Amino acid sequence: MTHELKEIIQQASINQQQGIQNVLVTVVHLDGSSYRKPGVRMLLSSDGKIMGAISGGCVEKEVQRRAQSVFKNNKPKIITYDGRYRLGCEGILYILLEPFNLTSEFLIAFSENNTQRKSYDITSFYQKEDEGFGNFGSIIQFNNQQIFSFNKEFNTKKTDQLTTFKQTLQPLFRLLIIGGEHDAVKLCVQATLLGWEVDVVTSIKDPKELTNFPGAKSVTAQTPEVIELSHVNNNTAVVIMNHNFTYDLRWLIKLQEKNPIYIGILGAAKRREKLFNELFGFSPDITDDFLDKIYTPAGLNIGAETPEEIALSILAEILSIIRNKEVFSLKKITGRIHD
């Protein structure tokens, strides 16, 4: 959800500069089931525009209508939306509507926190009622203990009798793509649509520009032996797309120094054993934990053929690893989709 909040903050900042009011919408509680879960947000602006969604599209207009009082009197409120008789999801949403005011100090702190790839906490204070007004609001706290309120009128010292919803948001999930060909571009574009932060490393023999990879944060040309890899941890996936056995091996040797959650390598299944044997030869102390992170051929078996389909299969595999999910058709589920 970090990428959604990032987009909301960027748009809200633009709105403020243009004199447009903002209302932040947060689902803070759920009784039953719903398309999306507590912690999801969207932005309403006084010019009638909506950014984001808190459902599959059936709740937003109703919330926008009921948020007009917040625009008029600048007072936050809590509302409910009962989907049991109107939606396919049988649940009651508790939704906090609060004026959204961004200070320059907050924008700087938020940007620095994202650059440093640190997590942060958001706590919302409310009461479980419908069309209820009160001292409701949200605060955001960064790891350096800086605390900001989303609503400048929110009194954070008078929250003892309120219900709280606390959420820890992780840094944007990061995808490191090693390769610069057409299929790497397709993977970059699709990962960006997921809200992931994408960095690309190409060969120094065939360097590329940032413009070659729409949505990428960075594009560099470097060799594995000299490159400095930062922030490669369990919030990072690596996909090696060199189409070159020797390069693949060199990158695997390099990545032993790091701890990505996933390493995918393109190539036929028959080259996997050869790749592992060569890796043992260069790194006899390689751990089973590191080997378990390597997926080659990369991707789920969905019959992918085109670069776009292969990118989809790889991203789906990464997502299943991140969420620790066994892959199968949802038609086999008889209970809830989500825990």
Protein backbone atom coordinates (compact mmCIF):
# COMPACT_ATOMS: atom_id res chain seq x y z
CA MET A 1 0.00 0.00 0.00
CA THR A 2 3.02 2.28 0.20
CA HIS A 3 2.92 3.11 -3.50
CA GLU A 4 -0.76 4.07 -3.23
CA LEU A 5 -0.08 6.45 -0.36
CA LYS A 6 2.90 7.89 -2.22
CA GLU A 7 0.71 8.68 -5.22
CA ILE A 8 -1.97 10.17 -2.98
CA ILE A 9 0.54 12.45 -1.27
CA GLN A 10 2.00 13.57 -4.59
CA GLN A 11 -1.45 14.48 -5.93
CA ALA A 12 -2.52 16.13 -2.67
CA SER A 13 0.59 18.31 -2.75
CA ILE A 14 -0.24 19.40 -6.30
CA ASN A 15 -3.82 20.14 -5.25
CA GLN A 16 -2.68 22.28 -2.34
CA GLN A 17 -0.49 24.37 -4.60
CA GLN A 18 -3.53 25.00 -6.78
CA GLY A 19 -5.78 25.90 -3.85
CA ILE A 20 -7.77 22.66 -4.05
CA GLN A 21 -8.92 21.05 -0.78
CA ASN A 22 -8.11 17.42 0.01
CA VAL A 23 -9.94 14.81 2.06
CA LEU A 24 -8.18 11.57 2.92
CA VAL A 25 -10.37 8.46 3.03
CA THR A 26 -9.18 5.48 5.09
CA VAL A 27 -10.88 2.16 5.76
CA VAL A 28 -10.15 1.70 9.47
CA HIS A 29 -12.30 -1.32 10.32
CA LEU A 30 -14.23 -4.12 8.64
CA ASP A 31 -17.01 -6.37 9.92
CA GLY A 32 -17.29 -9.32 7.57
CA SER A 33 -15.64 -9.48 4.16
CA SER A 34 -14.84 -6.88 1.53
CA TYR A 35 -12.96 -6.45 -1.74
CA ARG A 36 -10.21 -4.52 0.05
CA LYS A 37 -9.08 -4.51 3.67
CA PRO A 38 -8.51 -1.93 6.44
CA GLY A 39 -5.61 0.37 5.66
CA VAL A 40 -6.61 1.06 2.08
CA ARG A 41 -6.93 4.76 1.19
CA MET A 42 -8.08 7.14 -1.49
CA LEU A 43 -7.97 10.88 -2.03
CA LEU A 44 -10.96 13.12 -2.65
CA SER A 45 -10.44 16.66 -3.91
CA SER A 46 -12.81 19.63 -3.88
CA ASP A 47 -12.75 19.77 -7.69
CA GLY A 48 -14.63 16.46 -7.72
CA LYS A 49 -11.73 14.17 -8.60
CA ILE A 50 -10.93 10.84 -6.95
CA MET A 51 -7.53 9.18 -6.71
CA GLY A 52 -7.30 5.57 -5.64
CA ALA A 53 -10.06 3.20 -4.57
CA ILE A 54 -11.23 1.52 -1.38
CA SER A 55 -13.33 -1.12 -3.14
CA GLY A 56 -13.92 -2.58 -6.56
CA GLY A 57 -15.57 0.68 -7.62
CA CYS A 58 -18.97 0.40 -5.96
CA VAL A 59 -18.32 2.42 -2.79
CA GLU A 60 -16.38 5.42 -4.01
CA LYS A 61 -19.23 7.60 -5.31
CA GLU A 62 -21.19 7.14 -2.09
CA VAL A 63 -18.18 8.09 0.00
CA GLN A 64 -17.56 11.13 -2.20
CA ARG A 65 -21.15 12.28 -1.66
CA ARG A 66 -20.94 11.89 2.11
CA ALA A 67 -17.57 13.64 2.25
CA GLN A 68 -19.02 16.97 1.12
CA SER A 69 -19.61 18.02 4.74
CA VAL A 70 -15.89 17.61 5.44
CA PHE A 71 -15.07 19.96 2.58
CA LYS A 72 -17.62 22.49 3.87
CA ASN A 73 -16.89 22.56 7.61
CA ASN A 74 -13.40 21.02 7.76
CA LYS A 75 -14.56 18.52 10.41
CA PRO A 76 -13.53 14.85 10.15
CA LYS A 77 -16.10 12.12 10.50
CA ILE A 78 -16.55 8.37 10.46
CA ILE A 79 -19.10 6.69 8.21
CA THR A 80 -20.11 3.12 7.52
CA TYR A 81 -20.93 1.41 4.28
CA ASP A 82 -23.01 -1.75 4.54
CA GLY A 83 -22.30 -3.91 1.54
CA ARG A 84 -24.35 -6.90 2.68
CA TYR A 85 -27.32 -5.98 0.52
CA ARG A 86 -25.59 -4.05 -2.25
CA LEU A 87 -22.26 -5.77 -2.92
CA GLY A 88 -20.93 -9.20 -3.57
CA CYS A 89 -18.83 -8.79 -0.41
CA GLU A 90 -20.84 -9.27 2.75
CA GLY A 91 -19.26 -6.74 5.09
CA ILE A 92 -19.60 -3.38 6.80
CA LEU A 93 -16.82 -0.86 6.14
CA TYR A 94 -15.92 1.79 8.72
CA ILE A 95 -14.44 4.70 6.83
CA LEU A 96 -12.59 7.71 8.23
CA LEU A 97 -12.88 10.97 6.31
CA GLU A 98 -10.44 13.66 7.40
CA PRO A 99 -9.10 16.94 6.00
CA PHE A 100 -5.69 16.25 4.49
CA ASN A 101 -3.17 19.04 5.05
CA LEU A 102 0.46 18.55 4.04
CA THR A 103 3.24 20.71 5.46
CA SER A 104 6.56 21.22 3.71
CA GLU A 105 8.27 19.59 6.71
CA PHE A 106 6.15 16.47 6.27
CA LEU A 107 6.83 16.26 2.53
CA ILE A 108 10.59 16.46 3.15
CA ALA A 109 10.46 13.81 5.88
CA PHE A 110 8.29 11.50 3.76
CA SER A 111 10.65 11.82 0.78
CA GLU A 112 13.74 11.17 2.92
CA ASN A 113 12.13 8.14 4.54
CA ASN A 114 11.31 6.64 1.13
CA THR A 115 14.82 7.33 -0.17
CA GLN A 116 16.30 5.57 2.85
CA ARG A 117 13.84 2.69 2.34
CA LYS A 118 12.56 2.67 5.90
CA SER A 119 9.19 1.54 7.23
CA TYR A 120 6.80 3.88 9.02
CA ASP A 121 3.62 3.71 11.11
CA ILE A 122 0.23 5.30 10.55
CA THR A 123 -2.30 5.37 13.39
CA SER A 124 -5.90 6.46 12.87
CA PHE A 125 -8.20 7.45 15.76
CA TYR A 126 -11.98 7.08 15.42
CA GLN A 127 -15.19 5.72 16.95
CA LYS A 128 -17.21 2.84 15.55
CA GLU A 129 -20.38 4.65 14.50
CA ASP A 130 -22.08 5.92 11.39
CA GLU A 131 -22.01 9.62 10.46
CA GLY A 132 -20.12 10.33 13.67
CA PHE A 133 -18.19 13.54 14.23
CA GLY A 134 -15.41 14.06 16.74
CA ASN A 135 -11.73 14.55 17.33
CA PHE A 136 -10.82 11.97 14.69
CA GLY A 137 -7.67 11.85 12.61
CA SER A 138 -4.45 10.11 11.67
CA ILE A 139 -0.79 10.53 12.53
CA ILE A 140 2.26 9.21 10.72
CA GLN A 141 5.49 8.36 12.56
CA PHE A 142 8.84 7.74 10.92
CA ASN A 143 11.69 5.67 12.34
CA ASN A 144 13.54 8.79 13.38
CA GLN A 145 10.53 9.42 15.64
CA GLN A 146 9.24 12.39 13.64
CA ILE A 147 5.45 12.54 14.01
CA PHE A 148 3.04 14.42 11.75
CA SER A 149 -0.73 14.79 11.76
CA PHE A 150 -2.67 14.63 8.51
CA ASN A 151 -5.22 17.12 9.84
CA LYS A 152 -3.83 20.29 11.42
CA GLU A 153 -6.94 20.59 13.64
CA PHE A 154 -6.57 17.08 15.10
CA ASN A 155 -5.75 17.17 18.84
CA THR A 156 -3.45 14.21 19.42
CA LYS A 157 -3.63 14.71 23.21
CA LYS A 158 -7.35 13.91 23.39
CA THR A 159 -7.53 10.41 21.97
CA ASP A 160 -7.86 8.24 25.10
CA GLN A 161 -11.49 7.30 24.47
CA LEU A 162 -11.04 6.61 20.77
CA THR A 163 -10.55 3.35 18.90
CA THR A 164 -7.26 3.05 17.03
CA PHE A 165 -6.21 1.42 13.81
CA LYS A 166 -2.44 1.08 13.46
CA GLN A 167 -0.66 0.11 10.29
CA THR A 168 3.02 -0.36 9.52
CA LEU A 169 3.91 0.34 5.92
CA GLN A 170 7.06 -1.14 4.43
CA PRO A 171 9.28 0.52 1.83
CA LEU A 172 8.29 0.02 -1.78
CA PHE A 173 9.06 -3.51 -2.88
CA ARG A 174 12.16 -3.39 -5.06
CA LEU A 175 12.88 -5.29 -8.26
CA LEU A 176 16.44 -5.41 -9.56
CA ILE A 177 16.53 -6.39 -13.23
CA ILE A 178 19.88 -7.51 -14.60
CA GLY A 179 19.68 -7.29 -18.37
CA GLY A 180 18.85 -4.75 -21.01
CA GLU A 181 16.97 -6.49 -23.79
CA HIS A 182 13.35 -6.26 -24.94
CA ASP A 183 12.06 -8.75 -22.36
CA ALA A 184 13.67 -6.77 -19.54
CA VAL A 185 11.78 -3.67 -20.68
CA LYS A 186 8.47 -5.55 -20.54
CA LEU A 187 9.24 -6.82 -17.04
CA CYS A 188 10.12 -3.30 -15.92
CA VAL A 189 6.88 -1.81 -17.24
CA GLN A 190 4.67 -4.44 -15.60
CA ALA A 191 6.50 -4.26 -12.26
CA THR A 192 6.04 -0.49 -12.26
CA LEU A 193 2.29 -0.99 -12.66
CA LEU A 194 2.38 -3.02 -9.44
CA GLY A 195 3.91 -0.05 -7.67
CA TRP A 196 7.33 -1.66 -7.30
CA GLU A 197 10.55 0.32 -7.38
CA VAL A 198 12.59 -0.93 -10.34
CA ASP A 199 16.34 -0.62 -10.87
CA VAL A 200 18.01 -1.96 -14.00
CA VAL A 201 21.62 -3.03 -14.52
CA THR A 202 22.71 -3.56 -18.11
CA SER A 203 25.95 -4.76 -19.65
CA ILE A 204 28.77 -2.23 -20.02
CA LYS A 205 29.11 -3.50 -23.60
CA ASP A 206 25.55 -2.43 -24.35
CA PRO A 207 24.60 0.43 -21.99
CA LYS A 208 21.06 1.78 -21.99
CA GLU A 209 19.39 5.01 -20.89
CA LEU A 210 16.65 5.62 -18.35
CA THR A 211 14.33 6.49 -21.22
CA ASN A 212 14.69 2.93 -22.51
CA PHE A 213 12.95 1.59 -19.39
CA PRO A 214 9.65 3.38 -18.71
CA GLY A 215 8.96 3.66 -15.00
CA ALA A 216 12.41 2.58 -13.81
CA LYS A 217 14.05 4.45 -10.97
CA SER A 218 17.56 3.94 -12.31
CA VAL A 219 19.42 2.34 -15.21
CA THR A 220 23.16 1.68 -14.94
CA ALA A 221 25.74 -0.27 -16.92
CA GLN A 222 28.15 -2.24 -14.75
CA THR A 223 29.84 -5.59 -14.17
CA PRO A 224 28.99 -7.78 -11.16
CA GLU A 225 32.55 -7.73 -9.85
CA VAL A 226 32.71 -3.97 -9.28
CA ILE A 227 29.11 -2.86 -8.80
CA GLU A 228 28.01 -1.66 -5.36
CA LEU A 229 24.60 -3.11 -4.58
CA SER A 230 22.63 -1.35 -1.86
CA HIS A 231 19.28 -2.21 -0.26
CA VAL A 232 19.26 -5.76 -1.62
CA ASN A 233 17.43 -7.57 1.16
CA ASN A 234 14.26 -9.57 1.81
CA ASN A 235 12.26 -6.65 0.39
CA THR A 236 14.03 -7.10 -2.96
CA ALA A 237 13.67 -9.54 -5.84
CA VAL A 238 16.34 -10.00 -8.50
CA VAL A 239 15.67 -11.23 -12.03
CA ILE A 240 18.70 -12.09 -14.16
CA MET A 241 17.92 -11.74 -17.87
CA ASN A 242 21.34 -11.83 -19.51
CA HIS A 243 20.71 -14.78 -21.83
CA ASN A 244 24.35 -15.64 -21.13
CA PHE A 245 25.43 -18.55 -18.92
CA THR A 246 28.73 -16.97 -17.86
CA TYR A 247 27.11 -13.66 -16.90
CA ASP A 248 24.42 -15.52 -14.95
CA LEU A 249 27.08 -17.35 -12.96
CA ARG A 250 29.03 -14.17 -12.23
CA TRP A 251 25.91 -12.44 -10.94
CA LEU A 252 25.01 -15.38 -8.70
CA ILE A 253 28.48 -15.27 -7.16
CA LYS A 254 27.99 -11.55 -6.50
CA LEU A 255 24.53 -11.96 -5.01
CA GLN A 256 25.78 -14.34 -2.35
CA GLU A 257 26.87 -11.22 -0.46
CA LYS A 258 23.24 -10.07 -0.31
CA ASN A 259 19.93 -11.43 0.92
CA PRO A 260 17.19 -10.97 -1.71
CA ILE A 261 13.92 -12.81 -1.19
CA TYR A 262 13.95 -14.12 -4.75
CA ILE A 263 16.46 -14.66 -7.57
CA GLY A 264 14.97 -15.56 -10.92
CA ILE A 265 17.04 -16.59 -13.93
CA LEU A 266 15.84 -17.00 -17.50
CA GLY A 267 16.92 -20.08 -19.39
CA ALA A 268 16.08 -23.69 -20.09
CA ALA A 269 15.59 -26.13 -17.23
CA LYS A 270 18.46 -28.32 -18.49
CA ARG A 271 21.04 -25.59 -17.71
CA ARG A 272 20.01 -25.41 -14.04
CA GLU A 273 22.14 -28.36 -12.88
CA LYS A 274 25.14 -27.09 -14.82
CA LEU A 275 24.72 -23.64 -13.34
CA PHE A 276 24.56 -24.99 -9.79
CA ASN A 277 27.58 -27.26 -10.33
CA GLU A 278 29.64 -24.32 -11.59
CA LEU A 279 28.46 -22.22 -8.66
CA PHE A 280 29.62 -24.88 -6.20
CA GLY A 281 32.99 -24.89 -7.92
CA PHE A 282 33.48 -21.15 -7.36
CA SER A 283 31.72 -21.04 -3.98
CA PRO A 284 32.01 -24.38 -2.16
CA ASP A 285 30.59 -22.85 1.02
CA ILE A 286 27.35 -21.75 -0.62
CA THR A 287 24.36 -22.26 1.69
CA ASP A 288 21.16 -24.17 1.06
CA ASP A 289 19.23 -21.06 2.07
CA PHE A 290 20.78 -19.13 -0.83
CA LEU A 291 20.10 -21.95 -3.30
CA ASP A 292 16.46 -22.06 -2.21
CA LYS A 293 16.07 -18.45 -3.31
CA ILE A 294 17.07 -19.28 -6.90
CA TYR A 295 14.23 -19.95 -9.33
CA THR A 296 15.30 -21.08 -12.77
CA PRO A 297 13.64 -21.13 -15.17
CA ALA A 298 11.97 -18.10 -13.63
CA GLY A 299 8.18 -17.84 -13.61
CA LEU A 300 5.05 -19.87 -13.06
CA ASN A 301 3.98 -22.52 -15.54
CA ILE A 302 1.10 -20.67 -17.19
CA GLY A 303 2.10 -21.43 -20.77
CA ALA A 304 3.78 -18.04 -21.25
CA GLU A 305 5.28 -17.47 -24.70
CA THR A 306 5.57 -13.76 -25.45
CA PRO A 307 7.83 -11.37 -23.49
CA GLU A 308 4.72 -9.83 -21.93
CA GLU A 309 3.40 -13.22 -20.82
CA ILE A 310 6.80 -14.27 -19.48
CA ALA A 311 6.98 -11.04 -17.48
CA LEU A 312 3.53 -11.78 -16.04
CA SER A 313 4.55 -15.32 -15.03
CA ILE A 314 7.71 -14.04 -13.31
CA LEU A 315 5.93 -11.29 -11.41
CA ALA A 316 3.20 -13.71 -10.32
CA GLU A 317 5.86 -16.09 -9.01
CA ILE A 318 7.58 -13.29 -7.10
CA LEU A 319 4.28 -12.19 -5.59
CA SER A 320 3.51 -15.73 -4.45
CA ILE A 321 6.91 -15.87 -2.72
CA ILE A 322 6.40 -12.47 -1.06
CA ARG A 323 2.96 -13.46 0.25
CA ASN A 324 4.02 -17.03 1.06
CA LYS A 325 1.20 -18.50 -1.00
CA GLU A 326 0.92 -21.87 -2.70
CA VAL A 327 -0.17 -21.27 -6.28
CA PHE A 328 -3.47 -22.73 -7.44
CA SER A 329 -6.76 -21.59 -8.95
CA LEU A 330 -9.06 -19.59 -6.65
CA LYS A 331 -11.97 -21.72 -7.87
CA LYS A 332 -10.68 -24.40 -5.46
CA ILE A 333 -11.25 -22.16 -2.46
CA THR A 334 -14.49 -22.70 -0.54
CA GLY A 335 -13.87 -20.23 2.28
CA ARG A 336 -12.27 -16.81 2.46
CA ILE A 337 -9.67 -15.79 -0.11
CA HIS A 338 -7.64 -13.85 2.48
CA ASP A 339 -6.79 -14.92 6.00
